[in-house]
Protein backbone atom coordinates (compact mmCIF):
# COMPACT_ATOMS: atom_id res chain seq x y z
CA UNK A 1 -14.36 -23.88 -11.90
CA UNK A 2 -12.04 -23.52 -14.86
CA UNK A 3 -8.90 -21.11 -14.60
CA UNK A 4 -8.20 -18.41 -17.39
CA UNK A 5 -4.57 -18.86 -17.37
CA UNK A 6 -4.24 -16.14 -19.47
CA UNK A 7 -5.65 -13.83 -16.88
CA UNK A 8 -4.07 -15.49 -14.10
CA UNK A 9 -0.92 -13.52 -12.41
CA UNK A 10 1.09 -15.10 -9.80
CA UNK A 11 2.11 -12.29 -7.03
CA UNK A 12 4.50 -13.33 -3.97
CA UNK A 13 4.27 -10.87 -1.18
CA UNK A 14 7.35 -10.19 0.96
CA UNK A 15 9.04 -8.08 3.53
CA UNK A 16 11.69 -5.66 2.20
CA UNK A 17 13.33 -5.10 5.11
CA UNK A 18 13.73 -8.93 5.50
CA UNK A 19 16.51 -11.49 4.27
CA UNK A 20 15.62 -12.36 1.16
CA UNK A 21 14.57 -15.89 0.36
CA UNK A 22 14.55 -17.76 -2.71
CA UNK A 23 10.95 -18.60 -4.14
CA UNK A 24 9.47 -21.51 -6.40
CA UNK A 25 10.30 -21.23 -10.05
CA UNK A 26 7.32 -19.49 -11.64
CA UNK A 27 4.29 -22.04 -12.68
CA UNK A 28 3.79 -22.54 -16.12
CA UNK A 29 2.02 -20.62 -18.16
CA UNK A 30 1.10 -17.86 -15.27
CA UNK A 31 3.23 -14.76 -14.99
CA UNK A 32 4.76 -13.64 -12.07
CA UNK A 33 4.30 -10.01 -11.03
CA UNK A 34 5.19 -7.38 -9.00
CA UNK A 35 1.96 -5.40 -8.81
CA UNK A 36 -1.75 -6.33 -10.02
CA UNK A 37 -4.60 -4.39 -9.34
CA UNK A 38 -7.38 -6.56 -7.13
CA UNK A 39 -10.68 -4.88 -6.55
CA UNK A 40 -9.52 -1.14 -8.15
CA UNK A 41 -6.55 -1.51 -5.73
CA UNK A 42 -3.24 -1.74 -7.15
CA UNK A 43 -1.27 -4.02 -4.72
CA UNK A 44 2.51 -4.48 -4.98
CA UNK A 45 4.87 -7.26 -3.75
CA UNK A 46 6.68 -5.00 -1.29
CA UNK A 47 3.11 -3.91 0.73
CA UNK A 48 3.79 -0.23 -0.91
CA UNK A 49 1.02 1.38 -2.31
CA UNK A 50 2.98 3.74 -4.34
CA UNK A 51 1.33 2.51 -8.00
CA UNK A 52 -2.15 2.93 -6.15
CA UNK A 53 -1.14 6.05 -4.69
CA UNK A 54 0.43 7.67 -8.10
CA UNK A 55 -2.79 6.33 -9.93
CA UNK A 56 -5.69 8.08 -7.55
CA UNK A 57 -3.48 11.39 -7.34
CA UNK A 58 -3.33 11.36 -11.27
CA UNK A 59 -7.01 10.45 -11.58
CA UNK A 60 -8.18 13.01 -8.99
CA UNK A 61 -5.70 16.04 -10.24
CA UNK A 62 -7.71 15.17 -13.88
CA UNK A 63 -11.23 15.35 -12.43
CA UNK A 64 -10.32 18.50 -10.49
CA UNK A 65 -9.85 20.02 -13.72
CA UNK A 66 -13.78 19.19 -14.33
CA UNK A 67 -14.57 21.28 -11.74
CA UNK A 68 -12.84 24.16 -12.99
CA UNK A 69 -14.67 23.66 -16.00
CA UNK A 70 -17.70 23.37 -14.15
CA UNK A 71 -17.60 26.29 -12.74
CA UNK A 72 -16.40 28.33 -15.96
CA UNK A 73 -19.74 27.06 -17.07
CA UNK A 74 -22.10 28.47 -14.29
CA UNK A 75 -22.37 25.38 -11.82
CA UNK A 76 -23.47 26.95 -8.11
CA UNK A 77 -21.87 25.81 -5.10
CA UNK A 78 -23.93 23.44 -3.71
CA UNK A 79 -23.52 21.48 -7.46
CA UNK A 80 -19.90 21.82 -7.17
CA UNK A 81 -20.00 20.50 -3.86
CA UNK A 82 -22.13 17.59 -5.11
CA UNK A 83 -19.96 16.91 -8.06
CA UNK A 84 -16.82 17.11 -5.92
CA UNK A 85 -17.78 14.54 -3.49
CA UNK A 86 -18.94 12.19 -6.42
CA UNK A 87 -15.79 11.94 -8.42
CA UNK A 88 -12.66 13.11 -6.34
CA UNK A 89 -13.90 12.32 -2.85
CA UNK A 90 -15.26 8.85 -3.54
CA UNK A 91 -12.11 7.86 -5.68
CA UNK A 92 -9.62 8.69 -2.79
CA UNK A 93 -11.57 7.00 -0.41
CA UNK A 94 -12.66 3.74 -1.97
CA UNK A 95 -11.09 0.89 0.49
CA UNK A 96 -8.85 3.56 2.32
CA UNK A 97 -8.16 1.56 5.10
CA UNK A 98 -6.53 -0.93 2.94
CA UNK A 99 -3.65 1.62 1.38
CA UNK A 100 -3.78 4.53 3.85
CA UNK A 101 -1.80 2.83 6.43
CA UNK A 102 1.07 2.47 3.92
CA UNK A 103 1.71 6.61 3.22
CA UNK A 104 4.40 8.67 3.92
CA UNK A 105 3.76 12.07 5.52
CA UNK A 106 4.64 13.48 1.80
CA UNK A 107 1.88 11.47 0.24
CA UNK A 108 -0.46 12.70 2.76
CA UNK A 109 0.56 16.08 2.44
CA UNK A 110 -0.22 15.51 -1.35
CA UNK A 111 -3.49 14.45 -0.58
CA UNK A 112 -4.08 17.84 1.65
CA UNK A 113 -2.38 19.82 -1.33
CA UNK A 114 -5.13 18.39 -3.76
CA UNK A 115 -8.06 19.04 -0.90
CA UNK A 116 -6.57 22.39 -0.86
CA UNK A 117 -6.43 23.40 -4.46
CA UNK A 118 -10.00 22.53 -4.45
CA UNK A 119 -10.55 25.14 -1.98
CA UNK A 120 -8.89 27.30 -4.02
CA UNK A 121 -11.53 27.02 -6.90
CA UNK A 122 -13.86 28.41 -4.41
CA UNK A 123 -15.85 24.92 -4.28
CA UNK A 124 -16.58 25.02 -0.21
CA UNK A 125 -15.68 21.38 0.35
CA UNK A 126 -16.25 21.12 4.10
């Protein structure tokens, strides 16, 4: 197996509450990063999910706008419901078990707010 060093990144995980330890120097030709995208999930070295959460909320808000446009074009509620689950709920729930436990209450409230905005569009999401 040949490793592509141009695409290779080094990510060192650490406990942010623990006393910092000195790590080995970076490997030659391999960039050391504090966050990386792995299988569609942004992972951070301090076990936070802020980057991934912000990405998910940005994409979901943009896709909520698509629902508004589709509603104005005359899509019925069932079609809007299907599109909502296909493009928004699926994005939020993808690999949720790997990052949901790192959310704080304010972030959970933001997710709930997104669902409330979708409901206000009179798209029956439940």
